[in-house]
Amino acid sequence: MGDERSMQPDSQRFSPEGSSEGAGPELEAQSATGRTSRLRLWALLAVLVVSALFVWYVVVYRRSVAYQAGQLKNPNLLVRIQAMRNLSDMKEKARRVFPAIVEALGDREVPVRSQAAMIIREIGPREARSVPLLLAVVQRSDLPVEGRTMAVNLLPEMGEAAAQAVPVLIGVARSSEDVRLRQAALLAAHRIAPDDAGLLDAVFEIFGDPDDAVRGAAIGIAAQEARGGGNVFLRVTEQFRSDDARRRLSAVLTFRTLGALTDRVLPVLVQGVADRNKEVREAAIVSLVGAANSRQALQEIRKAAATLDPSARSALEEKLAEAEKRLEQ
């Protein structure tokens, strides 16, 4: 019989304490060391990535226009003011976030709105989006009226593109519930397009407005345009045919604003002295007395007043006599 050991399977020829089994702990130690090294490497990479992100955030992003624009929504007023100042320093780069700057006109605080307006004045005329964005602010009833009014006042400064805003401004002047906004819209529309037919229609419509400030803006525009005579002058004169006393009063005040008692103005003001409304009569008399700044002017006014009924002529003459005394002193 042969050697029985030689006939045993390989699995039985190696003792559990053999060399293969003895190498196990060493391999495990090496494997554990490798895992630790890899973990340390990953941890180091993570630290480097976090550090890089932190540096980017502090050094790059926080100095970017995008970050400053985001800070305009910060609840802290001082943060919003500083962000707006930073954007102002960035000059042309601020155009990238121009919509956010325009929207800041709706901020509740004056310093933020004022800073926004300064930036818009500087870069807005070169920005194609300026007029639509400003009009969007004007039409937002949820924003403070101060910011909406500021947007209205900025529109005439946006160059030729502002012409597209005129119809909207006329609509605001006619229908807005806020007096300040209506007044500002009317004046802004006149600055942009003084000869616009729709604007002049609105002006004479507002002659009968119940608010003195809005009506005053319309009177000022009418007087400015009436200096050229023609159609506007005639339209002012036509207001005396209205049954609305405010319209007739607006006509008197328009001619007073013109300053000079021309051959066309004098008869209209004299007609106002005989008006059935006391306020219109008083305004006409004050206008005529104010124009009586020389003996020649006095003579012309008295000559024109000769056609008045006795009571109206007497009321005017009483005030003209006072004016004459002042001229003699």
C-alpha atoms as a PDB file:
ATOM      1  CA  MET A   1       0.000   0.000   0.000  1.00  0.00           C
ATOM      2  CA  GLY A   2       1.262   3.384  -0.745  1.00  0.00           C
ATOM      3  CA  ASP A   3       1.785   6.267   1.618  1.00  0.00           C
ATOM      4  CA  GLU A   4      -1.571   7.066   3.154  1.00  0.00           C
ATOM      5  CA  ARG A   5      -0.644  10.716   3.551  1.00  0.00           C
ATOM      6  CA  SER A   6      -0.145  11.009  -0.139  1.00  0.00           C
ATOM      7  CA  MET A   7      -3.655   9.774  -0.671  1.00  0.00           C
ATOM      8  CA  GLN A   8      -5.282  12.399   1.572  1.00  0.00           C
ATOM      9  CA  PRO A   9      -7.065  15.364  -0.033  1.00  0.00           C
ATOM     10  CA  ASP A  10      -5.282  18.720  -0.180  1.00  0.00           C
ATOM     11  CA  SER A  11      -7.756  20.085   2.282  1.00  0.00           C
ATOM     12  CA  GLN A  12      -6.573  17.637   4.834  1.00  0.00           C
ATOM     13  CA  ARG A  13      -2.845  18.045   4.139  1.00  0.00           C
ATOM     14  CA  PHE A  14      -2.755  21.630   5.493  1.00  0.00           C
ATOM     15  CA  SER A  15      -3.126  22.154   9.138  1.00  0.00           C
ATOM     16  CA  PRO A  16      -5.411  24.881  10.465  1.00  0.00           C
ATOM     17  CA  GLU A  17      -2.263  26.366  11.918  1.00  0.00           C
ATOM     18  CA  GLY A  18      -0.648  26.401   8.453  1.00  0.00           C
ATOM     19  CA  SER A  19       0.959  29.379   6.773  1.00  0.00           C
ATOM     20  CA  SER A  20      -2.259  30.494   4.887  1.00  0.00           C
ATOM     21  CA  GLU A  21      -4.282  30.616   8.053  1.00  0.00           C
ATOM     22  CA  GLY A  22      -1.501  32.446   9.873  1.00  0.00           C
ATOM     23  CA  ALA A  23      -1.452  35.300   7.342  1.00  0.00           C
ATOM     24  CA  GLY A  24      -5.077  36.348   8.110  1.00  0.00           C
ATOM     25  CA  PRO A  25      -4.507  38.879  10.917  1.00  0.00           C
ATOM     26  CA  GLU A  26      -1.773  40.660   8.982  1.00  0.00           C
ATOM     27  CA  LEU A  27      -3.996  41.050   5.915  1.00  0.00           C
ATOM     28  CA  GLU A  28      -6.832  42.328   8.047  1.00  0.00           C
ATOM     29  CA  ALA A  29      -4.543  44.901   9.640  1.00  0.00           C
ATOM     30  CA  GLN A  30      -3.363  46.086   6.237  1.00  0.00           C
ATOM     31  CA  SER A  31      -6.956  46.305   5.021  1.00  0.00           C
ATOM     32  CA  ALA A  32      -8.001  48.326   8.079  1.00  0.00           C
ATOM     33  CA  THR A  33      -5.052  50.673   7.561  1.00  0.00           C
ATOM     34  CA  GLY A  34      -6.076  51.176   3.924  1.00  0.00           C
ATOM     35  CA  ARG A  35      -9.658  51.959   4.896  1.00  0.00           C
ATOM     36  CA  THR A  36      -8.457  54.467   7.479  1.00  0.00           C
ATOM     37  CA  SER A  37      -6.234  56.167   4.904  1.00  0.00           C
ATOM     38  CA  ARG A  38      -9.079  56.389   2.429  1.00  0.00           C
ATOM     39  CA  LEU A  39     -11.398  57.830   5.071  1.00  0.00           C
ATOM     40  CA  ARG A  40      -8.798  60.392   5.996  1.00  0.00           C
ATOM     41  CA  LEU A  41      -8.361  61.291   2.323  1.00  0.00           C
ATOM     42  CA  TRP A  42     -12.106  61.718   1.860  1.00  0.00           C
ATOM     43  CA  ALA A  43     -12.321  63.797   5.009  1.00  0.00           C
ATOM     44  CA  LEU A  44      -9.480  65.996   3.761  1.00  0.00           C
ATOM     45  CA  LEU A  45     -11.215  66.416   0.401  1.00  0.00           C
ATOM     46  CA  ALA A  46     -14.457  67.313   2.160  1.00  0.00           C
ATOM     47  CA  VAL A  47     -12.657  69.915   4.265  1.00  0.00           C
ATOM     48  CA  LEU A  48     -11.039  71.343   1.133  1.00  0.00           C
ATOM     49  CA  VAL A  49     -14.384  71.504  -0.690  1.00  0.00           C
ATOM     50  CA  VAL A  50     -16.125  73.160   2.265  1.00  0.00           C
ATOM     51  CA  SER A  51     -13.241  75.606   2.631  1.00  0.00           C
ATOM     52  CA  ALA A  52     -13.328  76.404  -1.064  1.00  0.00           C
ATOM     53  CA  LEU A  53     -17.088  76.978  -0.914  1.00  0.00           C
ATOM     54  CA  PHE A  54     -16.681  79.222   2.111  1.00  0.00           C
ATOM     55  CA  VAL A  55     -13.959  81.248   0.422  1.00  0.00           C
ATOM     56  CA  TRP A  56     -16.079  81.482  -2.743  1.00  0.00           C
ATOM     57  CA  TYR A  57     -19.100  82.600  -0.721  1.00  0.00           C
ATOM     58  CA  VAL A  58     -17.180  85.231   1.245  1.00  0.00           C
ATOM     59  CA  VAL A  59     -14.774  86.477  -1.406  1.00  0.00           C
ATOM     60  CA  VAL A  60     -16.736  86.011  -4.641  1.00  0.00           C
ATOM     61  CA  TYR A  61     -20.472  85.500  -4.182  1.00  0.00           C
ATOM     62  CA  ARG A  62     -21.019  88.017  -1.395  1.00  0.00           C
ATOM     63  CA  ARG A  63     -19.436  90.640  -3.630  1.00  0.00           C
ATOM     64  CA  SER A  64     -21.521  89.694  -6.670  1.00  0.00           C
ATOM     65  CA  VAL A  65     -24.488  91.617  -8.016  1.00  0.00           C
ATOM     66  CA  ALA A  66     -26.660  88.533  -7.571  1.00  0.00           C
ATOM     67  CA  TYR A  67     -25.957  88.408  -3.843  1.00  0.00           C
ATOM     68  CA  GLN A  68     -26.594  92.145  -3.423  1.00  0.00           C
ATOM     69  CA  ALA A  69     -29.874  91.846  -5.315  1.00  0.00           C
ATOM     70  CA  GLY A  70     -30.925  89.029  -3.015  1.00  0.00           C
ATOM     71  CA  GLN A  71     -30.156  91.170   0.011  1.00  0.00           C
ATOM     72  CA  LEU A  72     -32.733  93.721  -1.159  1.00  0.00           C
ATOM     73  CA  LYS A  73     -35.308  91.305   0.266  1.00  0.00           C
ATOM     74  CA  ASN A  74     -33.581  91.125   3.649  1.00  0.00           C
ATOM     75  CA  PRO A  75     -35.897  92.152   6.508  1.00  0.00           C
ATOM     76  CA  ASN A  76     -33.077  94.213   8.028  1.00  0.00           C
ATOM     77  CA  LEU A  77     -33.243  97.806   6.756  1.00  0.00           C
ATOM     78  CA  LEU A  78     -29.511  98.422   7.220  1.00  0.00           C
ATOM     79  CA  VAL A  79     -28.694  95.341   5.150  1.00  0.00           C
ATOM     80  CA  ARG A  80     -30.962  96.526   2.334  1.00  0.00           C
ATOM     81  CA  ILE A  81     -29.435 100.002   2.379  1.00  0.00           C
ATOM     82  CA  GLN A  82     -25.898  98.599   2.248  1.00  0.00           C
ATOM     83  CA  ALA A  83     -26.847  96.259  -0.585  1.00  0.00           C
ATOM     84  CA  MET A  84     -28.211  99.191  -2.574  1.00  0.00           C
ATOM     85  CA  ARG A  85     -25.047 101.186  -1.944  1.00  0.00           C
ATOM     86  CA  ASN A  86     -22.949  98.245  -3.097  1.00  0.00           C
ATOM     87  CA  LEU A  87     -24.993  97.993  -6.284  1.00  0.00           C
ATOM     88  CA  SER A  88     -24.505 101.706  -6.845  1.00  0.00           C
ATOM     89  CA  ASP A  89     -20.733 101.204  -6.615  1.00  0.00           C
ATOM     90  CA  MET A  90     -20.909  98.375  -9.155  1.00  0.00           C
ATOM     91  CA  LYS A  91     -22.006 100.789 -11.902  1.00  0.00           C
ATOM     92  CA  GLU A  92     -22.722  98.927 -15.151  1.00  0.00           C
ATOM     93  CA  LYS A  93     -22.610  95.488 -13.505  1.00  0.00           C
ATOM     94  CA  ALA A  94     -25.777  96.458 -11.683  1.00  0.00           C
ATOM     95  CA  ARG A  95     -27.653  96.264 -15.002  1.00  0.00           C
ATOM     96  CA  ARG A  96     -27.634  92.477 -14.609  1.00  0.00           C
ATOM     97  CA  VAL A  97     -30.096  92.810 -11.722  1.00  0.00           C
ATOM     98  CA  PHE A  98     -31.952  95.882 -12.984  1.00  0.00           C
ATOM     99  CA  PRO A  99     -35.420  94.366 -12.375  1.00  0.00           C
ATOM    100  CA  ALA A 100     -34.584  93.867  -8.686  1.00  0.00           C
ATOM    101  CA  ILE A 101     -33.437  97.480  -8.416  1.00  0.00           C
ATOM    102  CA  VAL A 102     -36.649  98.785  -9.987  1.00  0.00           C
ATOM    103  CA  GLU A 103     -38.721  96.578  -7.711  1.00  0.00           C
ATOM    104  CA  ALA A 104     -36.918  98.149  -4.738  1.00  0.00           C
ATOM    105  CA  LEU A 105     -38.840 101.354  -5.511  1.00  0.00           C
ATOM    106  CA  GLY A 106     -41.651  99.578  -3.722  1.00  0.00           C
ATOM    107  CA  ASP A 107     -39.641  99.256  -0.516  1.00  0.00           C
ATOM    108  CA  ARG A 108     -41.359 100.546   2.618  1.00  0.00           C
ATOM    109  CA  GLU A 109     -38.387 102.661   3.628  1.00  0.00           C
ATOM    110  CA  VAL A 110     -37.314 105.966   2.057  1.00  0.00           C
ATOM    111  CA  PRO A 111     -33.503 105.363   2.032  1.00  0.00           C
ATOM    112  CA  VAL A 112     -33.882 102.189  -0.031  1.00  0.00           C
ATOM    113  CA  ARG A 113     -36.256 103.818  -2.516  1.00  0.00           C
ATOM    114  CA  SER A 114     -34.014 106.849  -2.861  1.00  0.00           C
ATOM    115  CA  GLN A 115     -30.928 104.731  -3.527  1.00  0.00           C
ATOM    116  CA  ALA A 116     -32.857 102.704  -6.094  1.00  0.00           C
ATOM    117  CA  ALA A 117     -33.976 105.885  -7.864  1.00  0.00           C
ATOM    118  CA  MET A 118     -30.382 107.135  -8.049  1.00  0.00           C
ATOM    119  CA  ILE A 119     -29.242 103.926  -9.739  1.00  0.00           C
ATOM    120  CA  ILE A 120     -32.195 103.934 -12.147  1.00  0.00           C
ATOM    121  CA  ARG A 121     -31.443 107.514 -13.173  1.00  0.00           C
ATOM    122  CA  GLU A 122     -27.874 106.510 -13.969  1.00  0.00           C
ATOM    123  CA  ILE A 123     -28.366 103.281 -15.886  1.00  0.00           C
ATOM    124  CA  GLY A 124     -32.073 103.340 -16.769  1.00  0.00           C
ATOM    125  CA  PRO A 125     -31.882 105.472 -19.937  1.00  0.00           C
ATOM    126  CA  ARG A 126     -29.537 102.851 -21.457  1.00  0.00           C
ATOM    127  CA  GLU A 127     -31.637  99.914 -20.291  1.00  0.00           C
ATOM    128  CA  ALA A 128     -34.325  98.686 -22.702  1.00  0.00           C
ATOM    129  CA  ARG A 129     -36.367  97.171 -19.882  1.00  0.00           C
ATOM    130  CA  SER A 130     -36.594 100.377 -17.846  1.00  0.00           C
ATOM    131  CA  VAL A 131     -39.967 101.715 -19.058  1.00  0.00           C
ATOM    132  CA  PRO A 132     -41.928  98.419 -18.845  1.00  0.00           C
ATOM    133  CA  LEU A 133     -40.445  97.696 -15.422  1.00  0.00           C
ATOM    134  CA  LEU A 134     -41.253 101.168 -14.099  1.00  0.00           C
ATOM    135  CA  LEU A 135     -44.791 100.956 -15.443  1.00  0.00           C
ATOM    136  CA  ALA A 136     -45.214  97.623 -13.689  1.00  0.00           C
ATOM    137  CA  VAL A 137     -44.354  99.339 -10.411  1.00  0.00           C
ATOM    138  CA  VAL A 138     -46.744 102.216 -11.154  1.00  0.00           C
ATOM    139  CA  GLN A 139     -49.626  99.821 -11.686  1.00  0.00           C
ATOM    140  CA  ARG A 140     -49.072  97.688  -8.601  1.00  0.00           C
ATOM    141  CA  SER A 141     -51.672  98.737  -6.061  1.00  0.00           C
ATOM    142  CA  ASP A 142     -50.028  96.591  -3.358  1.00  0.00           C
ATOM    143  CA  LEU A 143     -46.938  98.817  -3.259  1.00  0.00           C
ATOM    144  CA  PRO A 144     -46.605 102.047  -1.254  1.00  0.00           C
ATOM    145  CA  VAL A 145     -47.902 105.021  -3.216  1.00  0.00           C
ATOM    146  CA  GLU A 146     -44.620 106.855  -2.535  1.00  0.00           C
ATOM    147  CA  GLY A 147     -42.705 104.235  -4.495  1.00  0.00           C
ATOM    148  CA  ARG A 148     -45.244 104.195  -7.309  1.00  0.00           C
ATOM    149  CA  THR A 149     -45.072 107.994  -7.516  1.00  0.00           C
ATOM    150  CA  MET A 150     -41.291 107.819  -7.633  1.00  0.00           C
ATOM    151  CA  ALA A 151     -41.532 105.394 -10.566  1.00  0.00           C
ATOM    152  CA  VAL A 152     -43.856 107.862 -12.336  1.00  0.00           C
ATOM    153  CA  ASN A 153     -41.391 110.706 -11.830  1.00  0.00           C
ATOM    154  CA  LEU A 154     -38.533 108.587 -13.209  1.00  0.00           C
ATOM    155  CA  LEU A 155     -40.282 107.755 -16.482  1.00  0.00           C
ATOM    156  CA  PRO A 156     -39.629 111.111 -18.226  1.00  0.00           C
ATOM    157  CA  GLU A 157     -35.914 110.577 -17.583  1.00  0.00           C
ATOM    158  CA  MET A 158     -35.804 107.315 -19.563  1.00  0.00           C
ATOM    159  CA  GLY A 159     -35.299 108.953 -22.947  1.00  0.00           C
ATOM    160  CA  GLU A 160     -37.295 108.308 -26.122  1.00  0.00           C
ATOM    161  CA  ALA A 161     -38.578 104.975 -24.835  1.00  0.00           C
ATOM    162  CA  ALA A 162     -40.699 106.859 -22.298  1.00  0.00           C
ATOM    163  CA  ALA A 163     -43.215 107.724 -25.040  1.00  0.00           C
ATOM    164  CA  GLN A 164     -44.779 104.279 -24.655  1.00  0.00           C
ATOM    165  CA  ALA A 165     -45.687 105.176 -21.059  1.00  0.00           C
ATOM    166  CA  VAL A 166     -47.930 108.141 -21.953  1.00  0.00           C
ATOM    167  CA  PRO A 167     -51.221 106.220 -22.423  1.00  0.00           C
ATOM    168  CA  VAL A 168     -50.724 104.439 -19.102  1.00  0.00           C
ATOM    169  CA  LEU A 169     -49.882 107.689 -17.331  1.00  0.00           C
ATOM    170  CA  ILE A 170     -52.984 109.374 -18.737  1.00  0.00           C
ATOM    171  CA  GLY A 171     -55.064 106.471 -17.475  1.00  0.00           C
ATOM    172  CA  VAL A 172     -53.523 106.789 -14.014  1.00  0.00           C
ATOM    173  CA  ALA A 173     -54.119 110.561 -14.014  1.00  0.00           C
ATOM    174  CA  ARG A 174     -57.775 110.003 -14.805  1.00  0.00           C
ATOM    175  CA  SER A 175     -58.627 107.093 -12.565  1.00  0.00           C
ATOM    176  CA  SER A 176     -56.162 106.488  -9.746  1.00  0.00           C
ATOM    177  CA  GLU A 177     -57.608 106.702  -6.255  1.00  0.00           C
ATOM    178  CA  ASP A 178     -54.508 108.432  -4.907  1.00  0.00           C
ATOM    179  CA  VAL A 179     -54.277 112.173  -5.502  1.00  0.00           C
ATOM    180  CA  ARG A 180     -50.474 112.295  -5.425  1.00  0.00           C
ATOM    181  CA  LEU A 181     -50.205 109.575  -8.025  1.00  0.00           C
ATOM    182  CA  ARG A 182     -52.737 111.236 -10.310  1.00  0.00           C
ATOM    183  CA  GLN A 183     -50.986 114.585 -10.110  1.00  0.00           C
ATOM    184  CA  ALA A 184     -47.566 113.070 -10.739  1.00  0.00           C
ATOM    185  CA  ALA A 185     -48.847 110.997 -13.678  1.00  0.00           C
ATOM    186  CA  LEU A 186     -50.382 114.041 -15.370  1.00  0.00           C
ATOM    187  CA  LEU A 187     -47.208 116.102 -15.015  1.00  0.00           C
ATOM    188  CA  ALA A 188     -44.990 113.216 -16.147  1.00  0.00           C
ATOM    189  CA  ALA A 189     -47.103 112.636 -19.250  1.00  0.00           C
ATOM    190  CA  HIS A 190     -46.796 116.324 -20.124  1.00  0.00           C
ATOM    191  CA  ARG A 191     -43.026 116.225 -19.707  1.00  0.00           C
ATOM    192  CA  ILE A 192     -42.820 113.256 -22.062  1.00  0.00           C
ATOM    193  CA  ALA A 193     -45.346 114.300 -24.733  1.00  0.00           C
ATOM    194  CA  PRO A 194     -46.696 117.856 -24.247  1.00  0.00           C
ATOM    195  CA  ASP A 195     -48.540 117.835 -27.574  1.00  0.00           C
ATOM    196  CA  ASP A 196     -50.259 114.498 -27.118  1.00  0.00           C
ATOM    197  CA  ALA A 197     -53.951 114.868 -28.016  1.00  0.00           C
ATOM    198  CA  GLY A 198     -55.043 112.334 -25.419  1.00  0.00           C
ATOM    199  CA  LEU A 199     -53.138 114.240 -22.758  1.00  0.00           C
ATOM    200  CA  LEU A 200     -54.846 117.539 -23.574  1.00  0.00           C
ATOM    201  CA  ASP A 201     -58.225 115.815 -23.464  1.00  0.00           C
ATOM    202  CA  ALA A 202     -57.355 114.554 -19.989  1.00  0.00           C
ATOM    203  CA  VAL A 203     -56.204 118.015 -18.919  1.00  0.00           C
ATOM    204  CA  PHE A 204     -59.555 119.602 -19.748  1.00  0.00           C
ATOM    205  CA  GLU A 205     -61.415 116.667 -18.232  1.00  0.00           C
ATOM    206  CA  ILE A 206     -59.478 117.239 -15.002  1.00  0.00           C
ATOM    207  CA  PHE A 207     -60.502 120.933 -15.054  1.00  0.00           C
ATOM    208  CA  GLY A 208     -63.597 119.722 -13.247  1.00  0.00           C
ATOM    209  CA  ASP A 209     -61.747 117.480 -10.779  1.00  0.00           C
ATOM    210  CA  PRO A 210     -62.762 117.858  -7.119  1.00  0.00           C
ATOM    211  CA  ASP A 211     -59.156 117.830  -5.897  1.00  0.00           C
ATOM    212  CA  ASP A 212     -57.318 121.162  -5.932  1.00  0.00           C
ATOM    213  CA  ALA A 213     -53.855 119.645  -6.405  1.00  0.00           C
ATOM    214  CA  VAL A 214     -54.787 117.548  -9.435  1.00  0.00           C
ATOM    215  CA  ARG A 215     -56.758 120.412 -10.904  1.00  0.00           C
ATOM    216  CA  GLY A 216     -53.806 122.715 -10.282  1.00  0.00           C
ATOM    217  CA  ALA A 217     -51.557 120.437 -12.327  1.00  0.00           C
ATOM    218  CA  ALA A 218     -54.044 120.543 -15.202  1.00  0.00           C
ATOM    219  CA  ILE A 219     -54.279 124.346 -14.960  1.00  0.00           C
ATOM    220  CA  GLY A 220     -50.514 124.691 -15.095  1.00  0.00           C
ATOM    221  CA  ILE A 221     -50.287 122.507 -18.199  1.00  0.00           C
ATOM    222  CA  ALA A 222     -53.157 124.349 -19.906  1.00  0.00           C
ATOM    223  CA  ALA A 223     -51.559 127.731 -19.183  1.00  0.00           C
ATOM    224  CA  GLN A 224     -48.222 126.581 -20.538  1.00  0.00           C
ATOM    225  CA  GLU A 225     -49.792 125.311 -23.749  1.00  0.00           C
ATOM    226  CA  ALA A 226     -52.188 128.265 -24.077  1.00  0.00           C
ATOM    227  CA  ARG A 227     -49.267 130.683 -24.316  1.00  0.00           C
ATOM    228  CA  GLY A 228     -48.957 129.569 -27.902  1.00  0.00           C
ATOM    229  CA  GLY A 229     -52.580 130.559 -28.500  1.00  0.00           C
ATOM    230  CA  GLY A 230     -54.500 128.511 -31.031  1.00  0.00           C
ATOM    231  CA  ASN A 231     -56.632 125.532 -30.112  1.00  0.00           C
ATOM    232  CA  VAL A 232     -55.584 125.266 -26.455  1.00  0.00           C
ATOM    233  CA  PHE A 233     -56.477 128.893 -25.754  1.00  0.00           C
ATOM    234  CA  LEU A 234     -59.897 128.390 -27.306  1.00  0.00           C
ATOM    235  CA  ARG A 235     -60.474 125.226 -25.291  1.00  0.00           C
ATOM    236  CA  VAL A 236     -59.748 127.131 -22.087  1.00  0.00           C
ATOM    237  CA  THR A 237     -62.224 129.829 -23.082  1.00  0.00           C
ATOM    238  CA  GLU A 238     -64.880 127.212 -23.816  1.00  0.00           C
ATOM    239  CA  GLN A 239     -64.822 126.164 -20.169  1.00  0.00           C
ATOM    240  CA  PHE A 240     -66.883 129.274 -19.314  1.00  0.00           C
ATOM    241  CA  ARG A 241     -69.832 127.667 -21.074  1.00  0.00           C
ATOM    242  CA  SER A 242     -69.766 124.722 -18.691  1.00  0.00           C
ATOM    243  CA  ASP A 243     -72.374 124.291 -15.977  1.00  0.00           C
ATOM    244  CA  ASP A 244     -69.588 123.011 -13.710  1.00  0.00           C
ATOM    245  CA  ALA A 245     -68.303 125.912 -11.582  1.00  0.00           C
ATOM    246  CA  ARG A 246     -64.973 124.114 -11.091  1.00  0.00           C
ATOM    247  CA  ARG A 247     -64.358 124.143 -14.833  1.00  0.00           C
ATOM    248  CA  ARG A 248     -65.084 127.856 -15.048  1.00  0.00           C
ATOM    249  CA  LEU A 249     -62.851 128.498 -12.036  1.00  0.00           C
ATOM    250  CA  SER A 250     -60.066 126.474 -13.657  1.00  0.00           C
ATOM    251  CA  ALA A 251     -60.360 128.642 -16.776  1.00  0.00           C
ATOM    252  CA  VAL A 252     -60.011 131.831 -14.694  1.00  0.00           C
ATOM    253  CA  LEU A 253     -56.984 130.435 -12.880  1.00  0.00           C
ATOM    254  CA  THR A 254     -55.429 129.356 -16.176  1.00  0.00           C
ATOM    255  CA  PHE A 255     -55.617 132.900 -17.523  1.00  0.00           C
ATOM    256  CA  ARG A 256     -54.275 134.249 -14.241  1.00  0.00           C
ATOM    257  CA  THR A 257     -51.319 131.880 -14.594  1.00  0.00           C
ATOM    258  CA  LEU A 258     -50.603 133.258 -18.051  1.00  0.00           C
ATOM    259  CA  GLY A 259     -49.590 136.491 -16.332  1.00  0.00           C
ATOM    260  CA  ALA A 260     -50.159 139.049 -19.061  1.00  0.00           C
ATOM    261  CA  LEU A 261     -53.504 140.751 -19.751  1.00  0.00           C
ATOM    262  CA  THR A 262     -53.595 140.390 -23.520  1.00  0.00           C
ATOM    263  CA  ASP A 263     -56.489 141.531 -25.693  1.00  0.00           C
ATOM    264  CA  ARG A 264     -57.745 137.937 -25.644  1.00  0.00           C
ATOM    265  CA  VAL A 265     -57.378 137.317 -21.909  1.00  0.00           C
ATOM    266  CA  LEU A 266     -58.895 140.553 -20.572  1.00  0.00           C
ATOM    267  CA  PRO A 267     -62.452 140.051 -21.907  1.00  0.00           C
ATOM    268  CA  VAL A 268     -62.541 136.491 -20.564  1.00  0.00           C
ATOM    269  CA  LEU A 269     -61.524 137.545 -17.058  1.00  0.00           C
ATOM    270  CA  VAL A 270     -64.030 140.397 -17.098  1.00  0.00           C
ATOM    271  CA  GLN A 271     -66.681 137.869 -18.055  1.00  0.00           C
ATOM    272  CA  GLY A 272     -65.655 135.884 -14.984  1.00  0.00           C
ATOM    273  CA  VAL A 273     -66.475 138.873 -12.736  1.00  0.00           C
ATOM    274  CA  ALA A 274     -70.146 138.408 -13.639  1.00  0.00           C
ATOM    275  CA  ASP A 275     -70.151 134.649 -13.079  1.00  0.00           C
ATOM    276  CA  ARG A 276     -73.019 133.184 -11.047  1.00  0.00           C
ATOM    277  CA  ASN A 277     -70.565 131.382  -8.760  1.00  0.00           C
ATOM    278  CA  LYS A 278     -69.008 133.453  -5.976  1.00  0.00           C
ATOM    279  CA  GLU A 279     -65.674 131.632  -6.044  1.00  0.00           C
ATOM    280  CA  VAL A 280     -65.316 132.184  -9.783  1.00  0.00           C
ATOM    281  CA  ARG A 281     -66.199 135.889  -9.411  1.00  0.00           C
ATOM    282  CA  GLU A 282     -63.664 136.394  -6.635  1.00  0.00           C
ATOM    283  CA  ALA A 283     -60.935 134.603  -8.580  1.00  0.00           C
ATOM    284  CA  ALA A 284     -61.605 136.780 -11.646  1.00  0.00           C
ATOM    285  CA  ILE A 285     -61.462 139.981  -9.585  1.00  0.00           C
ATOM    286  CA  VAL A 286     -58.219 138.930  -7.890  1.00  0.00           C
ATOM    287  CA  SER A 287     -56.737 138.149 -11.296  1.00  0.00           C
ATOM    288  CA  LEU A 288     -57.693 141.527 -12.724  1.00  0.00           C
ATOM    289  CA  VAL A 289     -56.495 143.469  -9.688  1.00  0.00           C
ATOM    290  CA  GLY A 290     -53.206 141.584  -9.762  1.00  0.00           C
ATOM    291  CA  ALA A 291     -52.768 142.592 -13.386  1.00  0.00           C
ATOM    292  CA  ALA A 292     -53.509 146.258 -12.610  1.00  0.00           C
ATOM    293  CA  ASN A 293     -49.849 147.090 -12.102  1.00  0.00           C
ATOM    294  CA  SER A 294     -49.857 150.341 -14.058  1.00  0.00           C
ATOM    295  CA  ARG A 295     -52.210 153.227 -14.847  1.00  0.00           C
ATOM    296  CA  GLN A 296     -52.527 152.018 -18.397  1.00  0.00           C
ATOM    297  CA  ALA A 297     -53.537 148.547 -17.226  1.00  0.00           C
ATOM    298  CA  LEU A 298     -56.114 150.102 -14.863  1.00  0.00           C
ATOM    299  CA  GLN A 299     -57.571 152.116 -17.702  1.00  0.00           C
ATOM    300  CA  GLU A 300     -57.851 149.052 -19.954  1.00  0.00           C
ATOM    301  CA  ILE A 301     -59.541 146.989 -17.228  1.00  0.00           C
ATOM    302  CA  ARG A 302     -62.082 149.748 -16.451  1.00  0.00           C
ATOM    303  CA  LYS A 303     -62.844 150.142 -20.140  1.00  0.00           C
ATOM    304  CA  ALA A 304     -63.480 146.406 -20.525  1.00  0.00           C
ATOM    305  CA  ALA A 305     -65.592 146.333 -17.333  1.00  0.00           C
ATOM    306  CA  ALA A 306     -67.953 148.976 -18.696  1.00  0.00           C
ATOM    307  CA  THR A 307     -70.085 146.227 -20.189  1.00  0.00           C
ATOM    308  CA  LEU A 308     -70.699 144.588 -16.799  1.00  0.00           C
ATOM    309  CA  ASP A 309     -73.929 144.958 -14.872  1.00  0.00           C
ATOM    310  CA  PRO A 310     -73.768 147.605 -12.073  1.00  0.00           C
ATOM    311  CA  SER A 311     -73.315 145.191  -9.164  1.00  0.00           C
ATOM    312  CA  ALA A 312     -70.496 143.249 -10.805  1.00  0.00           C
ATOM    313  CA  ARG A 313     -68.811 146.472 -11.977  1.00  0.00           C
ATOM    314  CA  SER A 314     -69.087 147.940  -8.471  1.00  0.00           C
ATOM    315  CA  ALA A 315     -67.448 144.887  -6.863  1.00  0.00           C
ATOM    316  CA  LEU A 316     -64.552 145.101  -9.308  1.00  0.00           C
ATOM    317  CA  GLU A 317     -64.186 148.871  -9.019  1.00  0.00           C
ATOM    318  CA  GLU A 318     -63.879 148.676  -5.241  1.00  0.00           C
ATOM    319  CA  LYS A 319     -60.800 146.464  -5.580  1.00  0.00           C
ATOM    320  CA  LEU A 320     -59.393 148.463  -8.479  1.00  0.00           C
ATOM    321  CA  ALA A 321     -59.571 151.625  -6.348  1.00  0.00           C
ATOM    322  CA  GLU A 322     -57.389 149.935  -3.742  1.00  0.00           C
ATOM    323  CA  ALA A 323     -54.926 148.981  -6.464  1.00  0.00           C
ATOM    324  CA  GLU A 324     -54.897 152.558  -7.711  1.00  0.00           C
ATOM    325  CA  LYS A 325     -54.029 153.868  -4.260  1.00  0.00           C
ATOM    326  CA  ARG A 326     -51.092 151.515  -4.095  1.00  0.00           C
ATOM    327  CA  LEU A 327     -49.848 152.821  -7.433  1.00  0.00           C
ATOM    328  CA  GLU A 328     -49.976 156.409  -6.124  1.00  0.00           C
ATOM    329  CA  GLN A 329     -47.825 155.642  -3.097  1.00  0.00           C
END
